[in-house]
C-alpha atoms as a PDB file:
ATOM      1  CA  MET A   1     162.703  32.474 183.747  1.00  0.00           C
ATOM      2  CA  PHE A   2     163.901  31.873 180.205  1.00  0.00           C
ATOM      3  CA  ILE A   3     161.200  29.222 179.617  1.00  0.00           C
ATOM      4  CA  ARG A   4     158.433  31.506 180.936  1.00  0.00           C
ATOM      5  CA  HIS A   5     159.697  34.371 178.737  1.00  0.00           C
ATOM      6  CA  ARG A   6     159.523  32.159 175.623  1.00  0.00           C
ATOM      7  CA  GLU A   7     156.016  30.979 176.548  1.00  0.00           C
ATOM      8  CA  ASP A   8     154.780  34.565 177.097  1.00  0.00           C
ATOM      9  CA  LYS A   9     156.294  35.629 173.783  1.00  0.00           C
ATOM     10  CA  LYS A  10     154.627  32.695 172.028  1.00  0.00           C
ATOM     11  CA  LYS A  11     151.235  33.580 173.533  1.00  0.00           C
ATOM     12  CA  LYS A  12     151.591  37.223 172.480  1.00  0.00           C
ATOM     13  CA  SER A  13     152.570  36.123 168.982  1.00  0.00           C
ATOM     14  CA  LEU A  14     149.545  33.842 168.767  1.00  0.00           C
ATOM     15  CA  VAL A  15     147.192  36.599 169.979  1.00  0.00           C
ATOM     16  CA  ARG A  16     148.692  38.980 167.421  1.00  0.00           C
ATOM     17  CA  GLU A  17     148.160  36.489 164.599  1.00  0.00           C
ATOM     18  CA  TYR A  18     144.514  36.015 165.556  1.00  0.00           C
ATOM     19  CA  LEU A  19     144.022  39.776 165.838  1.00  0.00           C
ATOM     20  CA  GLU A  20     145.595  40.403 162.428  1.00  0.00           C
ATOM     21  CA  ALA A  21     143.462  37.665 160.875  1.00  0.00           C
ATOM     22  CA  LEU A  22     140.325  39.186 162.406  1.00  0.00           C
ATOM     23  CA  ILE A  23     141.220  42.675 161.170  1.00  0.00           C
ATOM     24  CA  TRP A  24     141.854  41.432 157.631  1.00  0.00           C
ATOM     25  CA  ALA A  25     138.584  39.475 157.692  1.00  0.00           C
ATOM     26  CA  VAL A  26     136.678  42.623 158.686  1.00  0.00           C
ATOM     27  CA  VAL A  27     138.451  44.684 156.007  1.00  0.00           C
ATOM     28  CA  LEU A  28     137.706  42.070 153.350  1.00  0.00           C
ATOM     29  CA  ALA A  29     134.052  41.882 154.401  1.00  0.00           C
ATOM     30  CA  LEU A  30     133.768  45.679 154.186  1.00  0.00           C
ATOM     31  CA  VAL A  31     135.362  45.734 150.733  1.00  0.00           C
ATOM     32  CA  ILE A  32     133.017  43.040 149.431  1.00  0.00           C
ATOM     33  CA  ARG A  33     130.025  44.665 151.097  1.00  0.00           C
ATOM     34  CA  THR A  34     130.845  48.143 149.792  1.00  0.00           C
ATOM     35  CA  TRP A  35     132.280  47.495 146.334  1.00  0.00           C
ATOM     36  CA  GLY A  36     131.459  43.883 145.559  1.00  0.00           C
ATOM     37  CA  VAL A  37     128.196  41.976 145.453  1.00  0.00           C
ATOM     38  CA  GLN A  38     125.226  41.639 147.744  1.00  0.00           C
ATOM     39  CA  ALA A  39     122.609  38.903 147.952  1.00  0.00           C
ATOM     40  CA  PHE A  40     118.943  39.799 147.594  1.00  0.00           C
ATOM     41  CA  LYS A  41     115.823  37.656 147.910  1.00  0.00           C
ATOM     42  CA  ILE A  42     112.643  38.282 145.906  1.00  0.00           C
ATOM     43  CA  PRO A  43     109.797  38.636 148.431  1.00  0.00           C
ATOM     44  CA  SER A  44     106.852  39.368 146.117  1.00  0.00           C
ATOM     45  CA  GLY A  45     105.477  38.844 142.632  1.00  0.00           C
ATOM     46  CA  SER A  46     105.914  42.450 141.472  1.00  0.00           C
ATOM     47  CA  MET A  47     108.652  41.490 138.986  1.00  0.00           C
ATOM     48  CA  LYS A  48     106.909  38.490 137.399  1.00  0.00           C
ATOM     49  CA  PRO A  49     107.610  36.850 135.044  1.00  0.00           C
ATOM     50  CA  THR A  50     111.238  38.052 135.042  1.00  0.00           C
ATOM     51  CA  LEU A  51     111.820  37.378 138.743  1.00  0.00           C
ATOM     52  CA  LEU A  52     109.771  35.032 140.894  1.00  0.00           C
ATOM     53  CA  ILE A  53     109.128  34.637 144.593  1.00  0.00           C
ATOM     54  CA  GLY A  54     111.915  32.387 145.872  1.00  0.00           C
ATOM     55  CA  ASP A  55     114.591  33.708 143.525  1.00  0.00           C
ATOM     56  CA  HIS A  56     117.867  34.670 145.208  1.00  0.00           C
ATOM     57  CA  LEU A  57     119.920  37.248 143.294  1.00  0.00           C
ATOM     58  CA  LEU A  58     123.355  38.732 143.292  1.00  0.00           C
ATOM     59  CA  VAL A  59     123.513  42.500 142.958  1.00  0.00           C
ATOM     60  CA  SER A  60     126.632  44.261 141.694  1.00  0.00           C
ATOM     61  CA  LYS A  61     127.263  47.229 143.980  1.00  0.00           C
ATOM     62  CA  SER A  62     129.893  48.717 141.686  1.00  0.00           C
ATOM     63  CA  SER A  63     127.847  48.687 138.463  1.00  0.00           C
ATOM     64  CA  TYR A  64     127.463  52.457 138.449  1.00  0.00           C
ATOM     65  CA  GLY A  65     130.495  53.517 140.438  1.00  0.00           C
ATOM     66  CA  ILE A  66     132.555  52.879 143.545  1.00  0.00           C
ATOM     67  CA  LYS A  67     131.320  54.670 146.651  1.00  0.00           C
ATOM     68  CA  LEU A  68     133.204  55.866 149.669  1.00  0.00           C
ATOM     69  CA  PRO A  69     132.563  53.304 152.436  1.00  0.00           C
ATOM     70  CA  PHE A  70     129.604  54.120 154.710  1.00  0.00           C
ATOM     71  CA  THR A  71     128.509  56.981 152.431  1.00  0.00           C
ATOM     72  CA  ASP A  72     126.618  57.546 149.172  1.00  0.00           C
ATOM     73  CA  GLN A  73     129.476  59.570 147.685  1.00  0.00           C
ATOM     74  CA  VAL A  74     130.732  58.096 144.404  1.00  0.00           C
ATOM     75  CA  ILE A  75     134.512  58.347 144.220  1.00  0.00           C
ATOM     76  CA  VAL A  76     135.025  56.374 140.991  1.00  0.00           C
ATOM     77  CA  PRO A  77     132.158  56.908 138.478  1.00  0.00           C
ATOM     78  CA  ILE A  78     131.603  53.972 136.129  1.00  0.00           C
ATOM     79  CA  GLY A  79     128.295  54.684 134.437  1.00  0.00           C
ATOM     80  CA  ASP A  80     124.665  55.635 134.937  1.00  0.00           C
ATOM     81  CA  PRO A  81     121.594  53.419 135.235  1.00  0.00           C
ATOM     82  CA  GLN A  82     120.016  52.768 131.865  1.00  0.00           C
ATOM     83  CA  ARG A  83     116.463  52.098 130.802  1.00  0.00           C
ATOM     84  CA  GLY A  84     115.740  48.412 131.314  1.00  0.00           C
ATOM     85  CA  ASP A  85     118.225  47.887 134.149  1.00  0.00           C
ATOM     86  CA  ILE A  86     116.831  45.966 137.117  1.00  0.00           C
ATOM     87  CA  VAL A  87     118.122  47.670 140.237  1.00  0.00           C
ATOM     88  CA  VAL A  88     117.914  47.349 143.998  1.00  0.00           C
ATOM     89  CA  PHE A  89     117.356  50.641 145.802  1.00  0.00           C
ATOM     90  CA  ARG A  90     116.208  52.147 149.071  1.00  0.00           C
ATOM     91  CA  PHE A  91     112.418  52.392 149.077  1.00  0.00           C
ATOM     92  CA  PRO A  92     111.531  56.115 148.773  1.00  0.00           C
ATOM     93  CA  GLU A  93     108.806  55.902 151.433  1.00  0.00           C
ATOM     94  CA  ASP A  94     110.931  53.932 153.928  1.00  0.00           C
ATOM     95  CA  LYS A  95     114.699  54.093 153.440  1.00  0.00           C
ATOM     96  CA  ASP A  96     115.186  51.102 155.776  1.00  0.00           C
ATOM     97  CA  LYS A  97     113.611  48.827 153.149  1.00  0.00           C
ATOM     98  CA  ASP A  98     115.173  47.689 149.869  1.00  0.00           C
ATOM     99  CA  PHE A  99     113.075  47.406 146.711  1.00  0.00           C
ATOM    100  CA  ILE A 100     113.805  45.928 143.296  1.00  0.00           C
ATOM    101  CA  LYS A 101     112.285  47.359 140.103  1.00  0.00           C
ATOM    102  CA  ARG A 102     113.175  48.106 136.498  1.00  0.00           C
ATOM    103  CA  ILE A 103     114.353  51.539 135.373  1.00  0.00           C
ATOM    104  CA  ILE A 104     111.837  52.991 132.903  1.00  0.00           C
ATOM    105  CA  GLY A 105     112.261  56.769 132.951  1.00  0.00           C
ATOM    106  CA  LEU A 106     115.621  58.566 132.963  1.00  0.00           C
ATOM    107  CA  PRO A 107     116.468  62.004 134.393  1.00  0.00           C
ATOM    108  CA  GLY A 108     114.806  64.803 132.418  1.00  0.00           C
ATOM    109  CA  GLU A 109     112.355  62.536 130.596  1.00  0.00           C
ATOM    110  CA  THR A 110     108.577  62.818 130.719  1.00  0.00           C
ATOM    111  CA  VAL A 111     106.806  59.531 131.490  1.00  0.00           C
ATOM    112  CA  GLN A 112     103.141  58.814 130.874  1.00  0.00           C
ATOM    113  CA  GLY A 113     100.938  55.727 130.983  1.00  0.00           C
ATOM    114  CA  LYS A 114      97.945  55.266 128.724  1.00  0.00           C
ATOM    115  CA  GLY A 115      96.089  52.005 129.039  1.00  0.00           C
ATOM    116  CA  LYS A 116      98.768  49.328 128.789  1.00  0.00           C
ATOM    117  CA  SER A 117     101.332  51.490 127.019  1.00  0.00           C
ATOM    118  CA  ILE A 118     104.161  53.620 128.403  1.00  0.00           C
ATOM    119  CA  PHE A 119     105.163  56.851 126.653  1.00  0.00           C
ATOM    120  CA  ILE A 120     108.555  58.524 127.008  1.00  0.00           C
ATOM    121  CA  ASN A 121     108.626  62.165 125.870  1.00  0.00           C
ATOM    122  CA  GLY A 122     105.421  61.511 123.964  1.00  0.00           C
ATOM    123  CA  GLN A 123     106.764  58.455 122.116  1.00  0.00           C
ATOM    124  CA  ARG A 124     105.384  55.003 122.831  1.00  0.00           C
ATOM    125  CA  LEU A 125     107.993  52.815 124.521  1.00  0.00           C
ATOM    126  CA  ASP A 126     108.595  49.600 122.591  1.00  0.00           C
ATOM    127  CA  GLU A 127     109.131  47.238 125.498  1.00  0.00           C
ATOM    128  CA  HIS A 128     108.761  43.546 126.247  1.00  0.00           C
ATOM    129  CA  TRP A 129     109.223  43.783 130.026  1.00  0.00           C
ATOM    130  CA  GLY A 130     105.795  44.880 131.215  1.00  0.00           C
ATOM    131  CA  GLN A 131     103.146  42.210 131.711  1.00  0.00           C
ATOM    132  CA  TYR A 132      99.455  42.787 132.428  1.00  0.00           C
ATOM    133  CA  LEU A 133      98.407  39.424 133.776  1.00  0.00           C
ATOM    134  CA  ASP A 134      94.927  40.024 135.191  1.00  0.00           C
ATOM    135  CA  GLY A 135      93.380  41.212 131.905  1.00  0.00           C
ATOM    136  CA  LYS A 136      91.728  44.263 133.488  1.00  0.00           C
ATOM    137  CA  PRO A 137      91.854  47.825 132.103  1.00  0.00           C
ATOM    138  CA  HIS A 138      94.805  49.713 133.479  1.00  0.00           C
ATOM    139  CA  ALA A 139      94.670  53.169 135.022  1.00  0.00           C
ATOM    140  CA  ASP A 140      96.431  55.994 133.195  1.00  0.00           C
ATOM    141  CA  PHE A 141      99.064  58.077 134.936  1.00  0.00           C
ATOM    142  CA  GLY A 142     101.094  61.177 134.261  1.00  0.00           C
ATOM    143  CA  PRO A 143     102.571  62.811 132.407  1.00  0.00           C
ATOM    144  CA  VAL A 144     105.304  63.355 135.005  1.00  0.00           C
ATOM    145  CA  LYS A 145     108.785  64.744 134.427  1.00  0.00           C
ATOM    146  CA  VAL A 146     111.656  62.876 136.059  1.00  0.00           C
ATOM    147  CA  PRO A 147     113.866  65.318 138.012  1.00  0.00           C
ATOM    148  CA  ALA A 148     117.608  65.526 137.470  1.00  0.00           C
ATOM    149  CA  GLY A 149     119.495  62.795 139.282  1.00  0.00           C
ATOM    150  CA  GLN A 150     116.383  60.628 139.734  1.00  0.00           C
ATOM    151  CA  TYR A 151     114.681  57.716 137.976  1.00  0.00           C
ATOM    152  CA  PHE A 152     111.170  56.405 137.302  1.00  0.00           C
ATOM    153  CA  ALA A 153     110.951  52.714 138.245  1.00  0.00           C
ATOM    154  CA  MET A 154     108.286  50.091 137.560  1.00  0.00           C
ATOM    155  CA  GLY A 155     107.730  46.416 138.257  1.00  0.00           C
ATOM    156  CA  ASP A 156     107.395  44.026 135.333  1.00  0.00           C
ATOM    157  CA  ASN A 157     104.120  42.716 136.763  1.00  0.00           C
ATOM    158  CA  ARG A 158     102.245  45.944 136.140  1.00  0.00           C
ATOM    159  CA  ASP A 159      99.045  44.696 137.815  1.00  0.00           C
ATOM    160  CA  GLU A 160     100.701  43.969 141.162  1.00  0.00           C
ATOM    161  CA  SER A 161     103.578  46.392 141.546  1.00  0.00           C
ATOM    162  CA  TYR A 162     103.713  49.326 143.954  1.00  0.00           C
ATOM    163  CA  ASP A 163     106.101  51.574 142.056  1.00  0.00           C
ATOM    164  CA  SER A 164     106.728  55.092 140.746  1.00  0.00           C
ATOM    165  CA  ARG A 165     103.240  55.255 139.252  1.00  0.00           C
ATOM    166  CA  PHE A 166     101.863  55.459 142.785  1.00  0.00           C
ATOM    167  CA  TRP A 167     104.738  56.995 144.739  1.00  0.00           C
ATOM    168  CA  PHE A 168     104.573  60.285 142.827  1.00  0.00           C
ATOM    169  CA  ASN A 169     101.143  60.896 144.339  1.00  0.00           C
ATOM    170  CA  ASN A 170     102.727  60.775 147.782  1.00  0.00           C
ATOM    171  CA  ARG A 171     106.410  61.675 148.164  1.00  0.00           C
ATOM    172  CA  GLY A 172     107.783  62.403 144.741  1.00  0.00           C
ATOM    173  CA  GLY A 173     107.674  58.920 143.277  1.00  0.00           C
ATOM    174  CA  PHE A 174     111.189  58.845 141.931  1.00  0.00           C
ATOM    175  CA  VAL A 175     114.318  56.918 142.863  1.00  0.00           C
ATOM    176  CA  PRO A 176     117.276  59.195 143.699  1.00  0.00           C
ATOM    177  CA  ARG A 177     120.565  58.186 142.085  1.00  0.00           C
ATOM    178  CA  GLN A 178     122.302  57.925 145.454  1.00  0.00           C
ATOM    179  CA  ASP A 179     119.679  55.457 146.731  1.00  0.00           C
ATOM    180  CA  ILE A 180     120.399  52.902 144.014  1.00  0.00           C
ATOM    181  CA  LEU A 181     122.405  50.140 145.688  1.00  0.00           C
ATOM    182  CA  GLY A 182     123.315  48.155 142.586  1.00  0.00           C
ATOM    183  CA  LYS A 183     122.267  46.264 139.490  1.00  0.00           C
ATOM    184  CA  ALA A 184     120.883  42.726 139.699  1.00  0.00           C
ATOM    185  CA  PHE A 185     122.757  40.427 137.331  1.00  0.00           C
ATOM    186  CA  ILE A 186     122.286  36.719 138.151  1.00  0.00           C
ATOM    187  CA  ILE A 187     119.998  34.266 139.955  1.00  0.00           C
ATOM    188  CA  TYR A 188     122.239  32.127 142.141  1.00  0.00           C
ATOM    189  CA  TRP A 189     119.466  30.108 143.834  1.00  0.00           C
ATOM    190  CA  SER A 190     115.729  29.621 143.460  1.00  0.00           C
ATOM    191  CA  TRP A 191     112.984  27.859 145.376  1.00  0.00           C
ATOM    192  CA  VAL A 192     109.806  26.709 143.631  1.00  0.00           C
ATOM    193  CA  ASP A 193     106.993  28.933 144.917  1.00  0.00           C
ATOM    194  CA  ASN A 194     109.061  29.625 148.027  1.00  0.00           C
ATOM    195  CA  ARG A 195     108.843  25.951 149.046  1.00  0.00           C
ATOM    196  CA  PHE A 196     111.698  23.579 149.806  1.00  0.00           C
ATOM    197  CA  ALA A 197     111.969  22.434 146.208  1.00  0.00           C
ATOM    198  CA  VAL A 198     114.835  23.749 144.119  1.00  0.00           C
ATOM    199  CA  ASP A 199     114.046  25.315 140.745  1.00  0.00           C
ATOM    200  CA  TRP A 200     117.228  24.097 139.068  1.00  0.00           C
ATOM    201  CA  LYS A 201     116.458  25.604 135.661  1.00  0.00           C
ATOM    202  CA  ARG A 202     116.555  29.144 137.068  1.00  0.00           C
ATOM    203  CA  ILE A 203     119.876  28.821 138.883  1.00  0.00           C
ATOM    204  CA  GLY A 204     122.625  30.618 136.996  1.00  0.00           C
ATOM    205  CA  SER A 205     120.191  32.577 134.828  1.00  0.00           C
ATOM    206  CA  LEU A 206     121.382  36.050 133.873  1.00  0.00           C
ATOM    207  CA  ILE A 207     118.896  38.820 134.680  1.00  0.00           C
ATOM    208  CA  ARG A 208     117.759  40.973 131.768  1.00  0.00           C
END
């Protein structure tokens, strides 16, 4: 009887250890997922030449604040998205999809496009991000005023980016603050043209 009692106690102890380890693993995964970093893969050429198809990024989910798990409520504000930040966000037309673009217009600003120039509150934006690679004339847009708590986002490859220039004709066109998942900050892996050849020179590159 004494031997069986010790064996049962040992089994219970072992099960408890495994259960505790599993619980801590789940908690750690939730913490990293909610407040840490998230991997993101570039699926299209809309951010060329800054980001290429085959780039794998890390996105800081706490760049602009720490959210309550499983909600969009910010419990520890850190800062607000700034012009030029490259962010991952829920696509306004389908919240189940994640998009990556660059913040161009801030809340309360008026954004307008004329030819290949962007104007903020009537002043031409001196930028180096936007590229017009196909050499064709570019359609004007706006002016549009960015609502409070929302942002105007554009891809760096202005000829092949479905972004706020086109969304505002459909469902508002802006990125709500609560839908921004985080700021992209580093390329941790990259394939050449999405093939099985590593682009070593891009690995470790900071995203600006």
